Amino acid sequence: MHPAIAQYRTGIAAICRRYGIRRLEVFGSAARASDFDPAHSDADFLVEFAPGVEPGLHSIFGAKADLEALLGRGVDLVEPGAVRNPYVLASINRQRAIIFSAED
């Protein structure tokens, strides 16, 4: 995980708790770090909401906006079940890294 993301773990955890996120994992260039451009790259996250939390517009867009403000870059939030292409899912699974888990 790139330090430009990792340095905000505490703030990210607070956002996750605020919106009922059970698990947040970074993937893509922010997870690989080797091809992440701190000046231009966005951050891609797999987001899983806690049981009983309905991931409505407020939760999804609120978490996205708060993460973008904290990280100072664009953020994409993707629910794991929304990834239908098995090749894309395999690529994500190879590189994802946990940044927040409510179980920890």
PDB file of N, CA and C in Angstrom:
ATOM      1  N   MET A   1       0.849  -1.174   0.000  1.00  0.00           N
ATOM      2  CA  MET A   1       0.000   0.000   0.000  1.00  0.00           C
ATOM      3  C   MET A   1       0.896   1.239   0.000  1.00  0.00           C
ATOM      4  N   HIS A   2       0.514   2.205  -0.824  1.00  0.00           N
ATOM      5  CA  HIS A   2       1.311   3.423  -0.926  1.00  0.00           C
ATOM      6  C   HIS A   2       1.186   4.248   0.357  1.00  0.00           C
ATOM      7  N   PRO A   3       2.301   4.865   0.813  1.00  0.00           N
ATOM      8  CA  PRO A   3       2.261   5.690   2.024  1.00  0.00           C
ATOM      9  C   PRO A   3       1.259   6.849   1.952  1.00  0.00           C
ATOM     10  N   ALA A   4       0.956   7.345   0.744  1.00  0.00           N
ATOM     11  CA  ALA A   4      -0.008   8.439   0.598  1.00  0.00           C
ATOM     12  C   ALA A   4      -1.402   8.012   1.062  1.00  0.00           C
ATOM     13  N   ILE A   5      -1.659   6.721   1.097  1.00  0.00           N
ATOM     14  CA  ILE A   5      -2.919   6.182   1.601  1.00  0.00           C
ATOM     15  C   ILE A   5      -2.741   5.706   3.046  1.00  0.00           C
ATOM     16  N   ALA A   6      -1.686   4.945   3.295  1.00  0.00           N
ATOM     17  CA  ALA A   6      -1.454   4.337   4.607  1.00  0.00           C
ATOM     18  C   ALA A   6      -1.358   5.363   5.730  1.00  0.00           C
ATOM     19  N   GLN A   7      -0.845   6.544   5.441  1.00  0.00           N
ATOM     20  CA  GLN A   7      -0.673   7.549   6.491  1.00  0.00           C
ATOM     21  C   GLN A   7      -2.002   8.040   7.074  1.00  0.00           C
ATOM     22  N   TYR A   8      -3.097   7.758   6.400  1.00  0.00           N
ATOM     23  CA  TYR A   8      -4.410   8.220   6.838  1.00  0.00           C
ATOM     24  C   TYR A   8      -5.264   7.122   7.473  1.00  0.00           C
ATOM     25  N   ARG A   9      -4.656   6.054   7.892  1.00  0.00           N
ATOM     26  CA  ARG A   9      -5.415   4.917   8.432  1.00  0.00           C
ATOM     27  C   ARG A   9      -6.349   5.302   9.575  1.00  0.00           C
ATOM     28  N   THR A  10      -5.901   6.144  10.465  1.00  0.00           N
ATOM     29  CA  THR A  10      -6.732   6.535  11.603  1.00  0.00           C
ATOM     30  C   THR A  10      -7.968   7.294  11.137  1.00  0.00           C
ATOM     31  N   GLY A  11      -7.787   8.249  10.241  1.00  0.00           N
ATOM     32  CA  GLY A  11      -8.911   9.004   9.694  1.00  0.00           C
ATOM     33  C   GLY A  11      -9.840   8.126   8.880  1.00  0.00           C
ATOM     34  N   ILE A  12      -9.262   7.190   8.125  1.00  0.00           N
ATOM     35  CA  ILE A  12     -10.067   6.260   7.334  1.00  0.00           C
ATOM     36  C   ILE A  12     -10.924   5.392   8.257  1.00  0.00           C
ATOM     37  N   ALA A  13     -10.335   4.925   9.359  1.00  0.00           N
ATOM     38  CA  ALA A  13     -11.083   4.110  10.322  1.00  0.00           C
ATOM     39  C   ALA A  13     -12.262   4.892  10.896  1.00  0.00           C
ATOM     40  N   ALA A  14     -12.057   6.170  11.192  1.00  0.00           N
ATOM     41  CA  ALA A  14     -13.145   7.000  11.725  1.00  0.00           C
ATOM     42  C   ALA A  14     -14.272   7.142  10.703  1.00  0.00           C
ATOM     43  N   ILE A  15     -13.932   7.317   9.454  1.00  0.00           N
ATOM     44  CA  ILE A  15     -14.944   7.423   8.390  1.00  0.00           C
ATOM     45  C   ILE A  15     -15.705   6.107   8.266  1.00  0.00           C
ATOM     46  N   CYS A  16     -14.983   5.009   8.308  1.00  0.00           N
ATOM     47  CA  CYS A  16     -15.639   3.695   8.217  1.00  0.00           C
ATOM     48  C   CYS A  16     -16.631   3.494   9.353  1.00  0.00           C
ATOM     49  N   ARG A  17     -16.251   3.850  10.542  1.00  0.00           N
ATOM     50  CA  ARG A  17     -17.165   3.706  11.684  1.00  0.00           C
ATOM     51  C   ARG A  17     -18.380   4.610  11.526  1.00  0.00           C
ATOM     52  N   ARG A  18     -18.175   5.823  11.029  1.00  0.00           N
ATOM     53  CA  ARG A  18     -19.273   6.781  10.861  1.00  0.00           C
ATOM     54  C   ARG A  18     -20.335   6.263   9.899  1.00  0.00           C
ATOM     55  N   TYR A  19     -19.914   5.559   8.863  1.00  0.00           N
ATOM     56  CA  TYR A  19     -20.850   5.117   7.824  1.00  0.00           C
ATOM     57  C   TYR A  19     -21.214   3.630   7.912  1.00  0.00           C
ATOM     58  N   GLY A  20     -20.803   2.960   8.964  1.00  0.00           N
ATOM     59  CA  GLY A  20     -21.170   1.555   9.137  1.00  0.00           C
ATOM     60  C   GLY A  20     -20.458   0.620   8.184  1.00  0.00           C
ATOM     61  N   ILE A  21     -19.236   0.963   7.838  1.00  0.00           N
ATOM     62  CA  ILE A  21     -18.431   0.098   6.960  1.00  0.00           C
ATOM     63  C   ILE A  21     -17.740  -0.954   7.817  1.00  0.00           C
ATOM     64  N   ARG A  22     -17.943  -2.206   7.460  1.00  0.00           N
ATOM     65  CA  ARG A  22     -17.338  -3.312   8.207  1.00  0.00           C
ATOM     66  C   ARG A  22     -15.910  -3.590   7.747  1.00  0.00           C
ATOM     67  N   ARG A  23     -15.691  -3.433   6.437  1.00  0.00           N
ATOM     68  CA  ARG A  23     -14.368  -3.758   5.889  1.00  0.00           C
ATOM     69  C   ARG A  23     -14.094  -2.848   4.700  1.00  0.00           C
ATOM     70  N   LEU A  24     -12.866  -2.314   4.644  1.00  0.00           N
ATOM     71  CA  LEU A  24     -12.439  -1.477   3.535  1.00  0.00           C
ATOM     72  C   LEU A  24     -11.070  -1.965   3.093  1.00  0.00           C
ATOM     73  N   GLU A  25     -10.965  -2.278   1.803  1.00  0.00           N
ATOM     74  CA  GLU A  25      -9.701  -2.757   1.250  1.00  0.00           C
ATOM     75  C   GLU A  25      -9.314  -1.894   0.065  1.00  0.00           C
ATOM     76  N   VAL A  26      -8.061  -1.558   0.004  1.00  0.00           N
ATOM     77  CA  VAL A  26      -7.551  -0.779  -1.112  1.00  0.00           C
ATOM     78  C   VAL A  26      -7.075  -1.745  -2.197  1.00  0.00           C
ATOM     79  N   PHE A  27      -7.272  -1.375  -3.458  1.00  0.00           N
ATOM     80  CA  PHE A  27      -6.766  -2.184  -4.566  1.00  0.00           C
ATOM     81  C   PHE A  27      -6.302  -1.253  -5.674  1.00  0.00           C
ATOM     82  N   GLY A  28      -5.795  -1.812  -6.738  1.00  0.00           N
ATOM     83  CA  GLY A  28      -5.288  -0.998  -7.849  1.00  0.00           C
ATOM     84  C   GLY A  28      -3.921  -0.426  -7.535  1.00  0.00           C
ATOM     85  N   SER A  29      -3.607   0.696  -8.168  1.00  0.00           N
ATOM     86  CA  SER A  29      -2.271   1.274  -8.029  1.00  0.00           C
ATOM     87  C   SER A  29      -1.970   1.691  -6.592  1.00  0.00           C
ATOM     88  N   ALA A  30      -2.977   2.101  -5.833  1.00  0.00           N
ATOM     89  CA  ALA A  30      -2.746   2.496  -4.440  1.00  0.00           C
ATOM     90  C   ALA A  30      -2.323   1.304  -3.588  1.00  0.00           C
ATOM     91  N   ALA A  31      -2.764   0.107  -3.939  1.00  0.00           N
ATOM     92  CA  ALA A  31      -2.359  -1.098  -3.219  1.00  0.00           C
ATOM     93  C   ALA A  31      -0.993  -1.587  -3.698  1.00  0.00           C
ATOM     94  N   ARG A  32      -0.773  -1.521  -5.007  1.00  0.00           N
ATOM     95  CA  ARG A  32       0.505  -1.981  -5.561  1.00  0.00           C
ATOM     96  C   ARG A  32       1.638  -1.039  -5.176  1.00  0.00           C
ATOM     97  N   ALA A  33       1.350   0.245  -5.128  1.00  0.00           N
ATOM     98  CA  ALA A  33       2.301   1.305  -4.778  1.00  0.00           C
ATOM     99  C   ALA A  33       3.363   1.544  -5.851  1.00  0.00           C
ATOM    100  N   SER A  34       3.702   0.545  -6.629  1.00  0.00           N
ATOM    101  CA  SER A  34       4.770   0.707  -7.617  1.00  0.00           C
ATOM    102  C   SER A  34       4.407   1.664  -8.742  1.00  0.00           C
ATOM    103  N   ASP A  35       3.159   1.732  -9.123  1.00  0.00           N
ATOM    104  CA  ASP A  35       2.746   2.612 -10.215  1.00  0.00           C
ATOM    105  C   ASP A  35       1.757   3.692  -9.752  1.00  0.00           C
ATOM    106  N   PHE A  36       1.732   3.946  -8.456  1.00  0.00           N
ATOM    107  CA  PHE A  36       0.854   4.977  -7.893  1.00  0.00           C
ATOM    108  C   PHE A  36       1.536   6.325  -8.022  1.00  0.00           C
ATOM    109  N   ASP A  37       0.841   7.305  -8.576  1.00  0.00           N
ATOM    110  CA  ASP A  37       1.361   8.663  -8.717  1.00  0.00           C
ATOM    111  C   ASP A  37       0.685   9.534  -7.662  1.00  0.00           C
ATOM    112  N   PRO A  38       1.400   9.917  -6.607  1.00  0.00           N
ATOM    113  CA  PRO A  38       0.786  10.688  -5.531  1.00  0.00           C
ATOM    114  C   PRO A  38       0.137  11.998  -5.992  1.00  0.00           C
ATOM    115  N   ALA A  39       0.594  12.544  -7.099  1.00  0.00           N
ATOM    116  CA  ALA A  39       0.034  13.809  -7.588  1.00  0.00           C
ATOM    117  C   ALA A  39      -1.240  13.620  -8.408  1.00  0.00           C
ATOM    118  N   HIS A  40      -1.427  12.425  -9.001  1.00  0.00           N
ATOM    119  CA  HIS A  40      -2.543  12.270  -9.936  1.00  0.00           C
ATOM    120  C   HIS A  40      -3.436  11.046  -9.741  1.00  0.00           C
ATOM    121  N   SER A  41      -2.935  10.020  -9.081  1.00  0.00           N
ATOM    122  CA  SER A  41      -3.711   8.772  -8.986  1.00  0.00           C
ATOM    123  C   SER A  41      -4.883   8.897  -8.034  1.00  0.00           C
ATOM    124  N   ASP A  42      -5.963   8.208  -8.387  1.00  0.00           N
ATOM    125  CA  ASP A  42      -7.083   8.104  -7.466  1.00  0.00           C
ATOM    126  C   ASP A  42      -6.854   6.886  -6.572  1.00  0.00           C
ATOM    127  N   ALA A  43      -7.777   6.638  -5.666  1.00  0.00           N
ATOM    128  CA  ALA A  43      -7.673   5.484  -4.779  1.00  0.00           C
ATOM    129  C   ALA A  43      -8.929   4.638  -4.948  1.00  0.00           C
ATOM    130  N   ASP A  44      -8.742   3.351  -5.169  1.00  0.00           N
ATOM    131  CA  ASP A  44      -9.830   2.407  -5.377  1.00  0.00           C
ATOM    132  C   ASP A  44      -9.982   1.541  -4.129  1.00  0.00           C
ATOM    133  N   PHE A  45     -11.221   1.425  -3.651  1.00  0.00           N
ATOM    134  CA  PHE A  45     -11.492   0.658  -2.443  1.00  0.00           C
ATOM    135  C   PHE A  45     -12.641  -0.311  -2.662  1.00  0.00           C
ATOM    136  N   LEU A  46     -12.496  -1.514  -2.103  1.00  0.00           N
ATOM    137  CA  LEU A  46     -13.615  -2.436  -1.953  1.00  0.00           C
ATOM    138  C   LEU A  46     -14.245  -2.108  -0.616  1.00  0.00           C
ATOM    139  N   VAL A  47     -15.545  -1.920  -0.595  1.00  0.00           N
ATOM    140  CA  VAL A  47     -16.238  -1.532   0.623  1.00  0.00           C
ATOM    141  C   VAL A  47     -17.316  -2.559   0.950  1.00  0.00           C
ATOM    142  N   GLU A  48     -17.335  -2.975   2.201  1.00  0.00           N
ATOM    143  CA  GLU A  48     -18.346  -3.919   2.678  1.00  0.00           C
ATOM    144  C   GLU A  48     -19.003  -3.303   3.916  1.00  0.00           C
ATOM    145  N   PHE A  49     -20.296  -3.121   3.846  1.00  0.00           N
ATOM    146  CA  PHE A  49     -21.031  -2.522   4.955  1.00  0.00           C
ATOM    147  C   PHE A  49     -21.388  -3.579   5.995  1.00  0.00           C
ATOM    148  N   ALA A  50     -21.532  -3.133   7.231  1.00  0.00           N
ATOM    149  CA  ALA A  50     -21.877  -4.024   8.334  1.00  0.00           C
ATOM    150  C   ALA A  50     -23.284  -4.571   8.142  1.00  0.00           C
ATOM    151  N   PRO A  51     -23.553  -5.771   8.673  1.00  0.00           N
ATOM    152  CA  PRO A  51     -24.914  -6.308   8.604  1.00  0.00           C
ATOM    153  C   PRO A  51     -25.897  -5.319   9.235  1.00  0.00           C
ATOM    154  N   GLY A  52     -27.022  -5.150   8.593  1.00  0.00           N
ATOM    155  CA  GLY A  52     -28.029  -4.235   9.090  1.00  0.00           C
ATOM    156  C   GLY A  52     -27.874  -2.805   8.596  1.00  0.00           C
ATOM    157  N   VAL A  53     -26.741  -2.502   7.980  1.00  0.00           N
ATOM    158  CA  VAL A  53     -26.536  -1.167   7.407  1.00  0.00           C
ATOM    159  C   VAL A  53     -26.936  -1.222   5.943  1.00  0.00           C
ATOM    160  N   GLU A  54     -27.935  -0.439   5.603  1.00  0.00           N
ATOM    161  CA  GLU A  54     -28.388  -0.381   4.208  1.00  0.00           C
ATOM    162  C   GLU A  54     -27.488   0.604   3.456  1.00  0.00           C
ATOM    163  N   PRO A  55     -26.688   0.105   2.514  1.00  0.00           N
ATOM    164  CA  PRO A  55     -25.758   0.998   1.810  1.00  0.00           C
ATOM    165  C   PRO A  55     -26.494   1.891   0.804  1.00  0.00           C
ATOM    166  N   GLY A  56     -27.173   2.882   1.319  1.00  0.00           N
ATOM    167  CA  GLY A  56     -27.898   3.810   0.470  1.00  0.00           C
ATOM    168  C   GLY A  56     -27.012   4.934  -0.019  1.00  0.00           C
ATOM    169  N   LEU A  57     -27.640   5.885  -0.671  1.00  0.00           N
ATOM    170  CA  LEU A  57     -26.898   7.000  -1.241  1.00  0.00           C
ATOM    171  C   LEU A  57     -26.120   7.777  -0.178  1.00  0.00           C
ATOM    172  N   HIS A  58     -26.731   7.989   0.980  1.00  0.00           N
ATOM    173  CA  HIS A  58     -26.045   8.741   2.034  1.00  0.00           C
ATOM    174  C   HIS A  58     -24.765   8.027   2.464  1.00  0.00           C
ATOM    175  N   SER A  59     -24.840   6.722   2.676  1.00  0.00           N
ATOM    176  CA  SER A  59     -23.675   5.965   3.132  1.00  0.00           C
ATOM    177  C   SER A  59     -22.585   5.932   2.074  1.00  0.00           C
ATOM    178  N   ILE A  60     -22.960   5.608   0.865  1.00  0.00           N
ATOM    179  CA  ILE A  60     -21.963   5.454  -0.193  1.00  0.00           C
ATOM    180  C   ILE A  60     -21.341   6.796  -0.575  1.00  0.00           C
ATOM    181  N   PHE A  61     -22.195   7.776  -0.888  1.00  0.00           N
ATOM    182  CA  PHE A  61     -21.658   9.058  -1.331  1.00  0.00           C
ATOM    183  C   PHE A  61     -21.062   9.858  -0.173  1.00  0.00           C
ATOM    184  N   GLY A  62     -21.592   9.687   1.026  1.00  0.00           N
ATOM    185  CA  GLY A  62     -20.998  10.351   2.184  1.00  0.00           C
ATOM    186  C   GLY A  62     -19.604   9.823   2.470  1.00  0.00           C
ATOM    187  N   ALA A  63     -19.454   8.495   2.476  1.00  0.00           N
ATOM    188  CA  ALA A  63     -18.142   7.895   2.704  1.00  0.00           C
ATOM    189  C   ALA A  63     -17.169   8.289   1.599  1.00  0.00           C
ATOM    190  N   LYS A  64     -17.634   8.282   0.364  1.00  0.00           N
ATOM    191  CA  LYS A  64     -16.789   8.660  -0.770  1.00  0.00           C
ATOM    192  C   LYS A  64     -16.303  10.102  -0.616  1.00  0.00           C
ATOM    193  N   ALA A  65     -17.224  11.017  -0.322  1.00  0.00           N
ATOM    194  CA  ALA A  65     -16.860  12.435  -0.181  1.00  0.00           C
ATOM    195  C   ALA A  65     -15.888  12.640   0.983  1.00  0.00           C
ATOM    196  N   ASP A  66     -16.137  11.973   2.106  1.00  0.00           N
ATOM    197  CA  ASP A  66     -15.254  12.130   3.262  1.00  0.00           C
ATOM    198  C   ASP A  66     -13.865  11.544   2.992  1.00  0.00           C
ATOM    199  N   LEU A  67     -13.805  10.408   2.307  1.00  0.00           N
ATOM    200  CA  LEU A  67     -12.509   9.827   1.958  1.00  0.00           C
ATOM    201  C   LEU A  67     -11.751  10.727   0.984  1.00  0.00           C
ATOM    202  N   GLU A  68     -12.454  11.283   0.005  1.00  0.00           N
ATOM    203  CA  GLU A  68     -11.805  12.193  -0.948  1.00  0.00           C
ATOM    204  C   GLU A  68     -11.248  13.424  -0.236  1.00  0.00           C
ATOM    205  N   ALA A  69     -12.009  13.963   0.703  1.00  0.00           N
ATOM    206  CA  ALA A  69     -11.539  15.135   1.450  1.00  0.00           C
ATOM    207  C   ALA A  69     -10.313  14.788   2.296  1.00  0.00           C
ATOM    208  N   LEU A  70     -10.347  13.641   2.940  1.00  0.00           N
ATOM    209  CA  LEU A  70      -9.228  13.219   3.780  1.00  0.00           C
ATOM    210  C   LEU A  70      -7.971  12.948   2.958  1.00  0.00           C
ATOM    211  N   LEU A  71      -8.134  12.199   1.864  1.00  0.00           N
ATOM    212  CA  LEU A  71      -6.981  11.778   1.071  1.00  0.00           C
ATOM    213  C   LEU A  71      -6.515  12.834   0.069  1.00  0.00           C
ATOM    214  N   GLY A  72      -7.374  13.787  -0.234  1.00  0.00           N
ATOM    215  CA  GLY A  72      -7.017  14.826  -1.199  1.00  0.00           C
ATOM    216  C   GLY A  72      -6.909  14.308  -2.613  1.00  0.00           C
ATOM    217  N   ARG A  73      -7.738  13.320  -2.947  1.00  0.00           N
ATOM    218  CA  ARG A  73      -7.730  12.721  -4.286  1.00  0.00           C
ATOM    219  C   ARG A  73      -9.070  12.045  -4.537  1.00  0.00           C
ATOM    220  N   GLY A  74      -9.340  11.721  -5.775  1.00  0.00           N
ATOM    221  CA  GLY A  74     -10.549  11.004  -6.123  1.00  0.00           C
ATOM    222  C   GLY A  74     -10.555   9.609  -5.518  1.00  0.00           C
ATOM    223  N   VAL A  75     -11.748   9.136  -5.216  1.00  0.00           N
ATOM    224  CA  VAL A  75     -11.919   7.819  -4.609  1.00  0.00           C
ATOM    225  C   VAL A  75     -13.025   7.085  -5.351  1.00  0.00           C
ATOM    226  N   ASP A  76     -12.801   5.812  -5.621  1.00  0.00           N
ATOM    227  CA  ASP A  76     -13.835   4.937  -6.162  1.00  0.00           C
ATOM    228  C   ASP A  76     -14.141   3.880  -5.110  1.00  0.00           C
ATOM    229  N   LEU A  77     -15.428   3.729  -4.784  1.00  0.00           N
ATOM    230  CA  LEU A  77     -15.872   2.697  -3.853  1.00  0.00           C
ATOM    231  C   LEU A  77     -16.629   1.632  -4.632  1.00  0.00           C
ATOM    232  N   VAL A  78     -16.234   0.384  -4.442  1.00  0.00           N
ATOM    233  CA  VAL A  78     -16.841  -0.726  -5.163  1.00  0.00           C
ATOM    234  C   VAL A  78     -17.232  -1.792  -4.146  1.00  0.00           C
ATOM    235  N   GLU A  79     -18.483  -2.233  -4.206  1.00  0.00           N
ATOM    236  CA  GLU A  79     -18.897  -3.349  -3.367  1.00  0.00           C
ATOM    237  C   GLU A  79     -18.443  -4.641  -4.049  1.00  0.00           C
ATOM    238  N   PRO A  80     -17.881  -5.592  -3.305  1.00  0.00           N
ATOM    239  CA  PRO A  80     -17.350  -6.812  -3.915  1.00  0.00           C
ATOM    240  C   PRO A  80     -18.343  -7.536  -4.820  1.00  0.00           C
ATOM    241  N   GLY A  81     -19.598  -7.574  -4.449  1.00  0.00           N
ATOM    242  CA  GLY A  81     -20.600  -8.263  -5.253  1.00  0.00           C
ATOM    243  C   GLY A  81     -20.895  -7.585  -6.573  1.00  0.00           C
ATOM    244  N   ALA A  82     -20.474  -6.349  -6.722  1.00  0.00           N
ATOM    245  CA  ALA A  82     -20.733  -5.599  -7.955  1.00  0.00           C
ATOM    246  C   ALA A  82     -19.739  -5.943  -9.062  1.00  0.00           C
ATOM    247  N   VAL A  83     -18.661  -6.618  -8.715  1.00  0.00           N
ATOM    248  CA  VAL A  83     -17.644  -6.982  -9.706  1.00  0.00           C
ATOM    249  C   VAL A  83     -18.051  -8.315 -10.319  1.00  0.00           C
ATOM    250  N   ARG A  84     -18.560  -8.278 -11.524  1.00  0.00           N
ATOM    251  CA  ARG A  84     -19.091  -9.481 -12.182  1.00  0.00           C
ATOM    252  C   ARG A  84     -18.072 -10.165 -13.096  1.00  0.00           C
ATOM    253  N   ASN A  85     -17.133  -9.396 -13.609  1.00  0.00           N
ATOM    254  CA  ASN A  85     -16.151  -9.965 -14.533  1.00  0.00           C
ATOM    255  C   ASN A  85     -15.137 -10.787 -13.732  1.00  0.00           C
ATOM    256  N   PRO A  86     -15.033 -12.096 -13.983  1.00  0.00           N
ATOM    257  CA  PRO A  86     -14.131 -12.924 -13.184  1.00  0.00           C
ATOM    258  C   PRO A  86     -12.659 -12.555 -13.342  1.00  0.00           C
ATOM    259  N   TYR A  87     -12.272 -12.015 -14.486  1.00  0.00           N
ATOM    260  CA  TYR A  87     -10.877 -11.609 -14.686  1.00  0.00           C
ATOM    261  C   TYR A  87     -10.547 -10.352 -13.902  1.00  0.00           C
ATOM    262  N   VAL A  88     -11.481  -9.418 -13.872  1.00  0.00           N
ATOM    263  CA  VAL A  88     -11.300  -8.201 -13.075  1.00  0.00           C
ATOM    264  C   VAL A  88     -11.266  -8.566 -11.596  1.00  0.00           C
ATOM    265  N   LEU A  89     -12.179  -9.428 -11.170  1.00  0.00           N
ATOM    266  CA  LEU A  89     -12.214  -9.853  -9.773  1.00  0.00           C
ATOM    267  C   LEU A  89     -10.917 -10.567  -9.378  1.00  0.00           C
ATOM    268  N   ALA A  90     -10.409 -11.412 -10.245  1.00  0.00           N
ATOM    269  CA  ALA A  90      -9.145 -12.100  -9.956  1.00  0.00           C
ATOM    270  C   ALA A  90      -8.003 -11.107  -9.810  1.00  0.00           C
ATOM    271  N   SER A  91      -7.982 -10.092 -10.656  1.00  0.00           N
ATOM    272  CA  SER A  91      -6.947  -9.059 -10.571  1.00  0.00           C
ATOM    273  C   SER A  91      -7.059  -8.293  -9.256  1.00  0.00           C
ATOM    274  N   ILE A  92      -8.268  -7.933  -8.888  1.00  0.00           N
ATOM    275  CA  ILE A  92      -8.482  -7.226  -7.619  1.00  0.00           C
ATOM    276  C   ILE A  92      -8.037  -8.101  -6.454  1.00  0.00           C
ATOM    277  N   ASN A  93      -8.415  -9.369  -6.473  1.00  0.00           N
ATOM    278  CA  ASN A  93      -8.084 -10.274  -5.374  1.00  0.00           C
ATOM    279  C   ASN A  93      -6.582 -10.467  -5.200  1.00  0.00           C
ATOM    280  N   ARG A  94      -5.820 -10.379  -6.275  1.00  0.00           N
ATOM    281  CA  ARG A  94      -4.367 -10.552  -6.197  1.00  0.00           C
ATOM    282  C   ARG A  94      -3.676  -9.375  -5.517  1.00  0.00           C
ATOM    283  N   GLN A  95      -4.286  -8.218  -5.539  1.00  0.00           N
ATOM    284  CA  GLN A  95      -3.566  -7.028  -5.085  1.00  0.00           C
ATOM    285  C   GLN A  95      -4.214  -6.281  -3.927  1.00  0.00           C
ATOM    286  N   ARG A  96      -5.349  -6.718  -3.446  1.00  0.00           N
ATOM    287  CA  ARG A  96      -6.055  -5.955  -2.415  1.00  0.00           C
ATOM    288  C   ARG A  96      -5.380  -6.058  -1.057  1.00  0.00           C
ATOM    289  N   ALA A  97      -5.535  -4.986  -0.286  1.00  0.00           N
ATOM    290  CA  ALA A  97      -4.934  -4.918   1.045  1.00  0.00           C
ATOM    291  C   ALA A  97      -5.941  -4.292   2.003  1.00  0.00           C
ATOM    292  N   ILE A  98      -6.097  -4.901   3.159  1.00  0.00           N
ATOM    293  CA  ILE A  98      -7.043  -4.395   4.143  1.00  0.00           C
ATOM    294  C   ILE A  98      -6.514  -3.079   4.727  1.00  0.00           C
ATOM    295  N   ILE A  99      -7.384  -2.093   4.738  1.00  0.00           N
ATOM    296  CA  ILE A  99      -7.035  -0.828   5.388  1.00  0.00           C
ATOM    297  C   ILE A  99      -7.875  -0.605   6.630  1.00  0.00           C
ATOM    298  N   PHE A 100      -9.072  -1.236   6.693  1.00  0.00           N
ATOM    299  CA  PHE A 100      -9.909  -1.175   7.883  1.00  0.00           C
ATOM    300  C   PHE A 100     -10.736  -2.444   7.984  1.00  0.00           C
ATOM    301  N   SER A 101     -10.833  -2.979   9.187  1.00  0.00           N
ATOM    302  CA  SER A 101     -11.724  -4.095   9.462  1.00  0.00           C
ATOM    303  C   SER A 101     -12.310  -3.891  10.851  1.00  0.00           C
ATOM    304  N   ALA A 102     -13.626  -3.918  10.948  1.00  0.00           N
ATOM    305  CA  ALA A 102     -14.295  -3.729  12.233  1.00  0.00           C
ATOM    306  C   ALA A 102     -13.986  -4.873  13.187  1.00  0.00           C
ATOM    307  N   GLU A 103     -13.539  -6.016  12.677  1.00  0.00           N
ATOM    308  CA  GLU A 103     -13.223  -7.162  13.517  1.00  0.00           C
ATOM    309  C   GLU A 103     -11.899  -6.998  14.244  1.00  0.00           C
ATOM    310  N   ASP A 104     -11.072  -6.077  13.777  1.00  0.00           N
ATOM    311  CA  ASP A 104      -9.750  -5.879  14.427  1.00  0.00           C
ATOM    312  C   ASP A 104      -9.839  -5.028  15.664  1.00  0.00           C
TER     313      ASP A 104
END
